[in-house]
């Protein structure tokens, strides 16, 4: 039982540390522009990131496609 608690606390500590690093990186990027790039959708059409200027964009890089 104590081993499970120790593992949980170690993982929690790691997660909180990683969160702090991500927050610092995001803060450093605030106000900077994303470079333009193009991607192809599942239909084969090419889309430029610039065409979505001012809109919220969600990119799913975890797709098995």
PDB file of N, CA and C in Angstrom:
ATOM      1  N   UNK A   1       0.824  -1.196   0.000  1.00  0.00           N
ATOM      2  CA  UNK A   1       0.000   0.000   0.000  1.00  0.00           C
ATOM      3  C   UNK A   1       0.870   1.263   0.000  1.00  0.00           C
ATOM      4  N   UNK A   2       1.926   1.270   0.781  1.00  0.00           N
ATOM      5  CA  UNK A   2       2.790   2.447   0.858  1.00  0.00           C
ATOM      6  C   UNK A   2       3.552   2.660  -0.448  1.00  0.00           C
ATOM      7  N   UNK A   3       3.868   1.572  -1.134  1.00  0.00           N
ATOM      8  CA  UNK A   3       4.560   1.688  -2.411  1.00  0.00           C
ATOM      9  C   UNK A   3       3.671   2.387  -3.431  1.00  0.00           C
ATOM     10  N   UNK A   4       2.390   2.050  -3.450  1.00  0.00           N
ATOM     11  CA  UNK A   4       1.469   2.705  -4.379  1.00  0.00           C
ATOM     12  C   UNK A   4       1.389   4.203  -4.107  1.00  0.00           C
ATOM     13  N   UNK A   5       1.349   4.583  -2.857  1.00  0.00           N
ATOM     14  CA  UNK A   5       1.301   5.997  -2.488  1.00  0.00           C
ATOM     15  C   UNK A   5       2.582   6.699  -2.923  1.00  0.00           C
ATOM     16  N   UNK A   6       3.730   6.058  -2.734  1.00  0.00           N
ATOM     17  CA  UNK A   6       5.003   6.651  -3.125  1.00  0.00           C
ATOM     18  C   UNK A   6       5.065   6.849  -4.640  1.00  0.00           C
ATOM     19  N   UNK A   7       4.603   5.871  -5.397  1.00  0.00           N
ATOM     20  CA  UNK A   7       4.594   5.983  -6.859  1.00  0.00           C
ATOM     21  C   UNK A   7       3.645   7.100  -7.286  1.00  0.00           C
ATOM     22  N   UNK A   8       2.465   7.150  -6.666  1.00  0.00           N
ATOM     23  CA  UNK A   8       1.496   8.204  -6.989  1.00  0.00           C
ATOM     24  C   UNK A   8       2.093   9.585  -6.718  1.00  0.00           C
ATOM     25  N   UNK A   9       2.735   9.750  -5.569  1.00  0.00           N
ATOM     26  CA  UNK A   9       3.320  11.049  -5.223  1.00  0.00           C
ATOM     27  C   UNK A   9       4.455  11.423  -6.169  1.00  0.00           C
ATOM     28  N   UNK A  10       5.246  10.437  -6.591  1.00  0.00           N
ATOM     29  CA  UNK A  10       6.323  10.702  -7.548  1.00  0.00           C
ATOM     30  C   UNK A  10       5.749  11.156  -8.886  1.00  0.00           C
ATOM     31  N   UNK A  11       4.694  10.484  -9.352  1.00  0.00           N
ATOM     32  CA  UNK A  11       4.064  10.865 -10.618  1.00  0.00           C
ATOM     33  C   UNK A  11       3.418  12.239 -10.519  1.00  0.00           C
ATOM     34  N   UNK A  12       2.779  12.519  -9.401  1.00  0.00           N
ATOM     35  CA  UNK A  12       2.162  13.824  -9.195  1.00  0.00           C
ATOM     36  C   UNK A  12       3.214  14.922  -9.200  1.00  0.00           C
ATOM     37  N   UNK A  13       4.327  14.682  -8.538  1.00  0.00           N
ATOM     38  CA  UNK A  13       5.421  15.650  -8.510  1.00  0.00           C
ATOM     39  C   UNK A  13       5.957  15.912  -9.917  1.00  0.00           C
ATOM     40  N   UNK A  14       6.142  14.835 -10.682  1.00  0.00           N
ATOM     41  CA  UNK A  14       6.610  14.980 -12.065  1.00  0.00           C
ATOM     42  C   UNK A  14       5.615  15.782 -12.901  1.00  0.00           C
ATOM     43  N   UNK A  15       4.324  15.476 -12.772  1.00  0.00           N
ATOM     44  CA  UNK A  15       3.291  16.166 -13.549  1.00  0.00           C
ATOM     45  C   UNK A  15       3.257  17.652 -13.216  1.00  0.00           C
ATOM     46  N   UNK A  16       3.361  17.984 -11.948  1.00  0.00           N
ATOM     47  CA  UNK A  16       3.342  19.394 -11.552  1.00  0.00           C
ATOM     48  C   UNK A  16       4.580  20.123 -12.055  1.00  0.00           C
ATOM     49  N   UNK A  17       5.717  19.453 -12.032  1.00  0.00           N
ATOM     50  CA  UNK A  17       6.953  20.048 -12.544  1.00  0.00           C
ATOM     51  C   UNK A  17       6.845  20.294 -14.045  1.00  0.00           C
ATOM     52  N   UNK A  18       6.322  19.315 -14.772  1.00  0.00           N
ATOM     53  CA  UNK A  18       6.163  19.455 -16.222  1.00  0.00           C
ATOM     54  C   UNK A  18       5.183  20.581 -16.539  1.00  0.00           C
ATOM     55  N   UNK A  19       4.119  20.694 -15.748  1.00  0.00           N
ATOM     56  CA  UNK A  19       3.137  21.755 -15.971  1.00  0.00           C
ATOM     57  C   UNK A  19       3.788  23.126 -15.841  1.00  0.00           C
ATOM     58  N   UNK A  20       4.658  23.281 -14.860  1.00  0.00           N
ATOM     59  CA  UNK A  20       5.349  24.553 -14.672  1.00  0.00           C
ATOM     60  C   UNK A  20       6.234  24.891 -15.860  1.00  0.00           C
ATOM     61  N   UNK A  21       6.908  23.895 -16.418  1.00  0.00           N
ATOM     62  CA  UNK A  21       7.766  24.125 -17.579  1.00  0.00           C
ATOM     63  C   UNK A  21       6.946  24.509 -18.798  1.00  0.00           C
ATOM     64  N   UNK A  22       5.813  23.844 -18.987  1.00  0.00           N
ATOM     65  CA  UNK A  22       4.940  24.160 -20.124  1.00  0.00           C
ATOM     66  C   UNK A  22       4.402  25.574 -19.975  1.00  0.00           C
ATOM     67  N   UNK A  23       3.985  25.942 -18.767  1.00  0.00           N
ATOM     68  CA  UNK A  23       3.450  27.282 -18.530  1.00  0.00           C
ATOM     69  C   UNK A  23       4.500  28.347 -18.853  1.00  0.00           C
ATOM     70  N   UNK A  24       5.756  28.104 -18.499  1.00  0.00           N
ATOM     71  CA  UNK A  24       6.832  29.059 -18.798  1.00  0.00           C
ATOM     72  C   UNK A  24       7.032  29.189 -20.304  1.00  0.00           C
ATOM     73  N   UNK A  25       7.002  28.063 -21.016  1.00  0.00           N
ATOM     74  CA  UNK A  25       7.179  28.110 -22.477  1.00  0.00           C
ATOM     75  C   UNK A  25       6.032  28.844 -23.148  1.00  0.00           C
ATOM     76  N   UNK A  26       4.817  28.592 -22.688  1.00  0.00           N
ATOM     77  CA  UNK A  26       3.658  29.273 -23.258  1.00  0.00           C
ATOM     78  C   UNK A  26       3.723  30.772 -23.000  1.00  0.00           C
ATOM     79  N   UNK A  27       4.142  31.163 -21.821  1.00  0.00           N
ATOM     80  CA  UNK A  27       4.264  32.583 -21.494  1.00  0.00           C
ATOM     81  C   UNK A  27       5.297  33.247 -22.395  1.00  0.00           C
ATOM     82  N   UNK A  28       6.404  32.555 -22.676  1.00  0.00           N
ATOM     83  CA  UNK A  28       7.444  33.104 -23.548  1.00  0.00           C
ATOM     84  C   UNK A  28       6.946  33.266 -24.987  1.00  0.00           C
ATOM     85  N   UNK A  29       5.981  32.440 -25.394  1.00  0.00           N
ATOM     86  CA  UNK A  29       5.456  32.495 -26.764  1.00  0.00           C
ATOM     87  C   UNK A  29       4.325  33.501 -26.923  1.00  0.00           C
ATOM     88  N   UNK A  30       3.808  34.022 -25.832  1.00  0.00           N
ATOM     89  CA  UNK A  30       2.667  34.930 -25.883  1.00  0.00           C
ATOM     90  C   UNK A  30       2.968  36.141 -26.765  1.00  0.00           C
ATOM     91  N   UNK A  31       2.071  36.431 -27.671  1.00  0.00           N
ATOM     92  CA  UNK A  31       2.214  37.586 -28.558  1.00  0.00           C
ATOM     93  C   UNK A  31       3.034  37.328 -29.805  1.00  0.00           C
ATOM     94  N   UNK A  32       3.610  36.137 -29.946  1.00  0.00           N
ATOM     95  CA  UNK A  32       4.406  35.824 -31.127  1.00  0.00           C
ATOM     96  C   UNK A  32       3.546  35.126 -32.166  1.00  0.00           C
ATOM     97  N   UNK A  33       3.903  35.290 -33.413  1.00  0.00           N
ATOM     98  CA  UNK A  33       3.150  34.682 -34.507  1.00  0.00           C
ATOM     99  C   UNK A  33       3.637  33.268 -34.790  1.00  0.00           C
ATOM    100  N   UNK A  34       2.717  32.450 -35.238  1.00  0.00           N
ATOM    101  CA  UNK A  34       3.052  31.096 -35.675  1.00  0.00           C
ATOM    102  C   UNK A  34       3.476  31.196 -37.145  1.00  0.00           C
ATOM    103  N   UNK A  35       4.566  30.545 -37.539  1.00  0.00           N
ATOM    104  CA  UNK A  35       4.958  30.582 -38.944  1.00  0.00           C
ATOM    105  C   UNK A  35       3.900  29.903 -39.816  1.00  0.00           C
ATOM    106  N   UNK A  36       3.754  30.377 -41.032  1.00  0.00           N
ATOM    107  CA  UNK A  36       2.775  29.794 -41.940  1.00  0.00           C
ATOM    108  C   UNK A  36       3.237  28.400 -42.375  1.00  0.00           C
ATOM    109  N   UNK A  37       2.292  27.495 -42.493  1.00  0.00           N
ATOM    110  CA  UNK A  37       2.576  26.151 -42.990  1.00  0.00           C
ATOM    111  C   UNK A  37       1.327  25.628 -43.676  1.00  0.00           C
ATOM    112  N   UNK A  38       1.480  24.562 -44.443  1.00  0.00           N
ATOM    113  CA  UNK A  38       0.337  23.955 -45.132  1.00  0.00           C
ATOM    114  C   UNK A  38       0.223  22.495 -44.738  1.00  0.00           C
ATOM    115  N   UNK A  39      -1.020  22.021 -44.697  1.00  0.00           N
ATOM    116  CA  UNK A  39      -1.309  20.622 -44.404  1.00  0.00           C
ATOM    117  C   UNK A  39      -2.393  20.137 -45.349  1.00  0.00           C
ATOM    118  N   UNK A  40      -2.413  18.845 -45.607  1.00  0.00           N
ATOM    119  CA  UNK A  40      -3.432  18.240 -46.440  1.00  0.00           C
ATOM    120  C   UNK A  40      -4.501  17.596 -45.560  1.00  0.00           C
ATOM    121  N   UNK A  41      -5.784  17.792 -45.902  1.00  0.00           N
ATOM    122  CA  UNK A  41      -6.848  17.151 -45.134  1.00  0.00           C
ATOM    123  C   UNK A  41      -7.105  15.752 -45.680  1.00  0.00           C
ATOM    124  N   UNK A  42      -8.047  15.046 -45.073  1.00  0.00           N
ATOM    125  CA  UNK A  42      -8.319  13.669 -45.486  1.00  0.00           C
ATOM    126  C   UNK A  42      -8.841  13.577 -46.913  1.00  0.00           C
ATOM    127  N   UNK A  43      -9.413  14.670 -47.423  1.00  0.00           N
ATOM    128  CA  UNK A  43      -9.900  14.697 -48.802  1.00  0.00           C
ATOM    129  C   UNK A  43      -8.826  15.044 -49.816  1.00  0.00           C
ATOM    130  N   UNK A  44      -7.594  15.299 -49.346  1.00  0.00           N
ATOM    131  CA  UNK A  44      -6.490  15.613 -50.243  1.00  0.00           C
ATOM    132  C   UNK A  44      -6.349  17.102 -50.542  1.00  0.00           C
ATOM    133  N   UNK A  45      -7.232  17.942 -49.989  1.00  0.00           N
ATOM    134  CA  UNK A  45      -7.154  19.383 -50.219  1.00  0.00           C
ATOM    135  C   UNK A  45      -6.076  19.982 -49.316  1.00  0.00           C
ATOM    136  N   UNK A  46      -5.325  20.938 -49.839  1.00  0.00           N
ATOM    137  CA  UNK A  46      -4.272  21.599 -49.084  1.00  0.00           C
ATOM    138  C   UNK A  46      -4.829  22.856 -48.437  1.00  0.00           C
ATOM    139  N   UNK A  47      -4.490  23.045 -47.168  1.00  0.00           N
ATOM    140  CA  UNK A  47      -4.926  24.225 -46.428  1.00  0.00           C
ATOM    141  C   UNK A  47      -3.702  24.928 -45.855  1.00  0.00           C
ATOM    142  N   UNK A  48      -3.701  26.247 -45.955  1.00  0.00           N
ATOM    143  CA  UNK A  48      -2.635  27.061 -45.397  1.00  0.00           C
ATOM    144  C   UNK A  48      -3.070  27.563 -44.027  1.00  0.00           C
ATOM    145  N   UNK A  49      -2.156  27.575 -43.074  1.00  0.00           N
ATOM    146  CA  UNK A  49      -2.480  28.079 -41.747  1.00  0.00           C
ATOM    147  C   UNK A  49      -2.922  29.536 -41.812  1.00  0.00           C
ATOM    148  N   UNK A  50      -2.352  30.299 -42.726  1.00  0.00           N
ATOM    149  CA  UNK A  50      -2.675  31.725 -42.839  1.00  0.00           C
ATOM    150  C   UNK A  50      -4.147  31.959 -43.158  1.00  0.00           C
ATOM    151  N   UNK A  51      -4.811  31.022 -43.830  1.00  0.00           N
ATOM    152  CA  UNK A  51      -6.211  31.217 -44.180  1.00  0.00           C
ATOM    153  C   UNK A  51      -7.129  31.168 -42.958  1.00  0.00           C
ATOM    154  N   UNK A  52      -6.618  30.731 -41.825  1.00  0.00           N
ATOM    155  CA  UNK A  52      -7.413  30.661 -40.599  1.00  0.00           C
ATOM    156  C   UNK A  52      -7.058  31.784 -39.621  1.00  0.00           C
ATOM    157  N   UNK A  53      -6.404  32.828 -40.109  1.00  0.00           N
ATOM    158  CA  UNK A  53      -5.990  33.945 -39.254  1.00  0.00           C
ATOM    159  C   UNK A  53      -7.185  34.497 -38.473  1.00  0.00           C
ATOM    160  N   UNK A  54      -7.003  34.640 -37.165  1.00  0.00           N
ATOM    161  CA  UNK A  54      -8.046  35.191 -36.316  1.00  0.00           C
ATOM    162  C   UNK A  54      -9.065  34.175 -35.831  1.00  0.00           C
ATOM    163  N   UNK A  55      -8.898  32.911 -36.223  1.00  0.00           N
ATOM    164  CA  UNK A  55      -9.834  31.863 -35.822  1.00  0.00           C
ATOM    165  C   UNK A  55      -9.125  30.873 -34.902  1.00  0.00           C
ATOM    166  N   UNK A  56      -9.902  30.177 -34.094  1.00  0.00           N
ATOM    167  CA  UNK A  56      -9.356  29.124 -33.242  1.00  0.00           C
ATOM    168  C   UNK A  56      -9.161  27.880 -34.098  1.00  0.00           C
ATOM    169  N   UNK A  57      -7.975  27.271 -34.013  1.00  0.00           N
ATOM    170  CA  UNK A  57      -7.644  26.101 -34.829  1.00  0.00           C
ATOM    171  C   UNK A  57      -7.220  24.961 -33.906  1.00  0.00           C
ATOM    172  N   UNK A  58      -7.800  23.794 -34.114  1.00  0.00           N
ATOM    173  CA  UNK A  58      -7.418  22.590 -33.369  1.00  0.00           C
ATOM    174  C   UNK A  58      -6.791  21.619 -34.361  1.00  0.00           C
ATOM    175  N   UNK A  59      -5.537  21.269 -34.125  1.00  0.00           N
ATOM    176  CA  UNK A  59      -4.829  20.318 -34.982  1.00  0.00           C
ATOM    177  C   UNK A  59      -4.731  18.992 -34.250  1.00  0.00           C
ATOM    178  N   UNK A  60      -5.166  17.936 -34.874  1.00  0.00           N
ATOM    179  CA  UNK A  60      -5.100  16.598 -34.281  1.00  0.00           C
ATOM    180  C   UNK A  60      -3.943  15.846 -34.925  1.00  0.00           C
ATOM    181  N   UNK A  61      -2.802  15.838 -34.251  1.00  0.00           N
ATOM    182  CA  UNK A  61      -1.626  15.146 -34.762  1.00  0.00           C
ATOM    183  C   UNK A  61      -1.593  13.687 -34.318  1.00  0.00           C
ATOM    184  N   UNK A  62      -2.564  13.246 -33.553  1.00  0.00           N
ATOM    185  CA  UNK A  62      -2.561  11.903 -33.011  1.00  0.00           C
ATOM    186  C   UNK A  62      -3.432  10.964 -33.824  1.00  0.00           C
ATOM    187  N   UNK A  63      -3.910  11.423 -34.924  1.00  0.00           N
ATOM    188  CA  UNK A  63      -4.758  10.590 -35.779  1.00  0.00           C
ATOM    189  C   UNK A  63      -3.943   9.439 -36.366  1.00  0.00           C
ATOM    190  N   UNK A  64      -4.550   8.254 -36.483  1.00  0.00           N
ATOM    191  CA  UNK A  64      -3.813   7.115 -37.046  1.00  0.00           C
ATOM    192  C   UNK A  64      -3.658   7.211 -38.562  1.00  0.00           C
ATOM    193  N   UNK A  65      -4.224   8.250 -39.195  1.00  0.00           N
ATOM    194  CA  UNK A  65      -4.154   8.374 -40.651  1.00  0.00           C
ATOM    195  C   UNK A  65      -2.759   8.631 -41.102  1.00  0.00           C
TER     196      UNK A  65
END
